[in-house]
């Protein structure tokens, strides 16, 4: 069976795929940060959903990047995971 990381490496050789991936990097970074915060808090998606008074599927959508969360949602997420929300603006090309 082919691993997803192997497929990703293969697809990154395609310029269109690579450009699309780079364009989505900020969304991927947010998804990774959400997953990391939930994991560090020791919560399942279901437990987090209960704390946020939402559904497990809504948490899954956040963590896969299929939905763009509002600042209010991110604030609720931070409270539910015992973290603080920090949003910053950086010059283009500086990375985080």
Protein backbone atom coordinates (compact mmCIF):
# COMPACT_ATOMS: atom_id res chain seq x y z
CA UNK A 1 0.00 0.00 0.00
CA UNK A 2 1.28 3.47 -0.88
CA UNK A 3 1.63 5.87 2.03
CA UNK A 4 0.11 9.32 1.75
CA UNK A 5 3.53 10.89 2.32
CA UNK A 6 4.89 8.92 -0.64
CA UNK A 7 2.03 10.12 -2.85
CA UNK A 8 2.52 13.69 -1.69
CA UNK A 9 6.25 13.53 -2.51
CA UNK A 10 5.45 12.16 -5.97
CA UNK A 11 2.77 14.78 -6.62
CA UNK A 12 5.05 17.62 -5.49
CA UNK A 13 7.02 17.08 -8.69
CA UNK A 14 3.96 18.35 -10.59
CA UNK A 15 4.08 22.15 -10.84
CA UNK A 16 0.30 22.65 -10.66
CA UNK A 17 0.02 20.44 -7.56
CA UNK A 18 3.01 22.13 -5.94
CA UNK A 19 1.59 25.61 -6.56
CA UNK A 20 -1.82 24.62 -5.19
CA UNK A 21 -0.17 23.09 -2.12
CA UNK A 22 1.89 26.22 -1.47
CA UNK A 23 -1.24 28.37 -1.85
CA UNK A 24 -2.95 26.30 0.87
CA UNK A 25 0.00 26.18 3.29
CA UNK A 26 -1.51 28.72 5.70
CA UNK A 27 -4.69 26.66 5.96
CA UNK A 28 -2.64 23.50 6.51
CA UNK A 29 -0.66 25.29 9.23
CA UNK A 30 -3.86 26.33 10.98
CA UNK A 31 -5.22 22.78 10.81
CA UNK A 32 -1.96 21.43 12.29
CA UNK A 33 -2.09 24.02 15.08
CA UNK A 34 -5.68 23.10 15.94
CA UNK A 35 -4.87 19.39 16.06
CA UNK A 36 -1.78 20.06 18.19
CA UNK A 37 -3.73 22.21 20.68
CA UNK A 38 -6.47 19.59 21.02
CA UNK A 39 -3.94 16.78 21.42
CA UNK A 40 -1.90 18.71 23.98
CA UNK A 41 -5.11 19.32 25.95
CA UNK A 42 -5.67 15.55 25.91
CA UNK A 43 -9.07 15.87 24.26
CA UNK A 44 -10.79 13.77 21.65
CA UNK A 45 -12.74 15.54 18.92
CA UNK A 46 -15.95 14.53 20.71
CA UNK A 47 -14.77 15.93 24.06
CA UNK A 48 -13.70 19.18 22.43
CA UNK A 49 -17.04 19.40 20.63
CA UNK A 50 -18.87 19.04 23.93
CA UNK A 51 -16.79 21.82 25.49
CA UNK A 52 -17.46 24.07 22.50
CA UNK A 53 -21.14 23.08 22.33
CA UNK A 54 -20.85 21.92 18.76
CA UNK A 55 -20.62 18.61 16.91
CA UNK A 56 -17.69 16.25 16.45
CA UNK A 57 -18.10 16.66 12.69
CA UNK A 58 -17.64 20.43 13.04
CA UNK A 59 -14.35 19.80 14.85
CA UNK A 60 -13.30 17.36 12.13
CA UNK A 61 -14.02 19.99 9.46
CA UNK A 62 -11.85 22.50 11.34
CA UNK A 63 -9.01 20.02 11.64
CA UNK A 64 -9.07 19.04 7.98
CA UNK A 65 -9.15 22.62 6.79
CA UNK A 66 -12.50 22.10 5.06
CA UNK A 67 -13.93 25.11 6.84
CA UNK A 68 -12.40 28.47 7.61
CA UNK A 69 -13.09 29.31 11.24
CA UNK A 70 -14.18 32.74 12.38
CA UNK A 71 -12.25 34.59 15.06
CA UNK A 72 -15.13 33.79 17.43
CA UNK A 73 -14.78 30.07 16.71
CA UNK A 74 -11.03 30.25 17.29
CA UNK A 75 -11.63 32.04 20.61
CA UNK A 76 -14.07 29.28 21.68
CA UNK A 77 -11.54 26.66 20.58
CA UNK A 78 -8.80 28.33 22.64
CA UNK A 79 -10.98 28.48 25.76
CA UNK A 80 -12.02 24.84 25.33
CA UNK A 81 -8.39 23.69 24.99
CA UNK A 82 -7.02 25.90 27.77
CA UNK A 83 -4.90 27.90 25.35
CA UNK A 84 -4.75 31.54 24.30
CA UNK A 85 -5.42 32.77 20.79
CA UNK A 86 -2.81 34.96 19.15
CA UNK A 87 -3.31 36.34 15.65
CA UNK A 88 -0.52 38.24 13.93
CA UNK A 89 0.22 39.89 10.63
CA UNK A 90 3.64 39.39 9.07
CA UNK A 91 5.25 40.80 5.95
CA UNK A 92 4.78 38.59 2.91
CA UNK A 93 7.53 36.03 2.57
CA UNK A 94 8.51 36.06 6.26
CA UNK A 95 6.84 32.79 7.33
CA UNK A 96 5.92 32.06 10.94
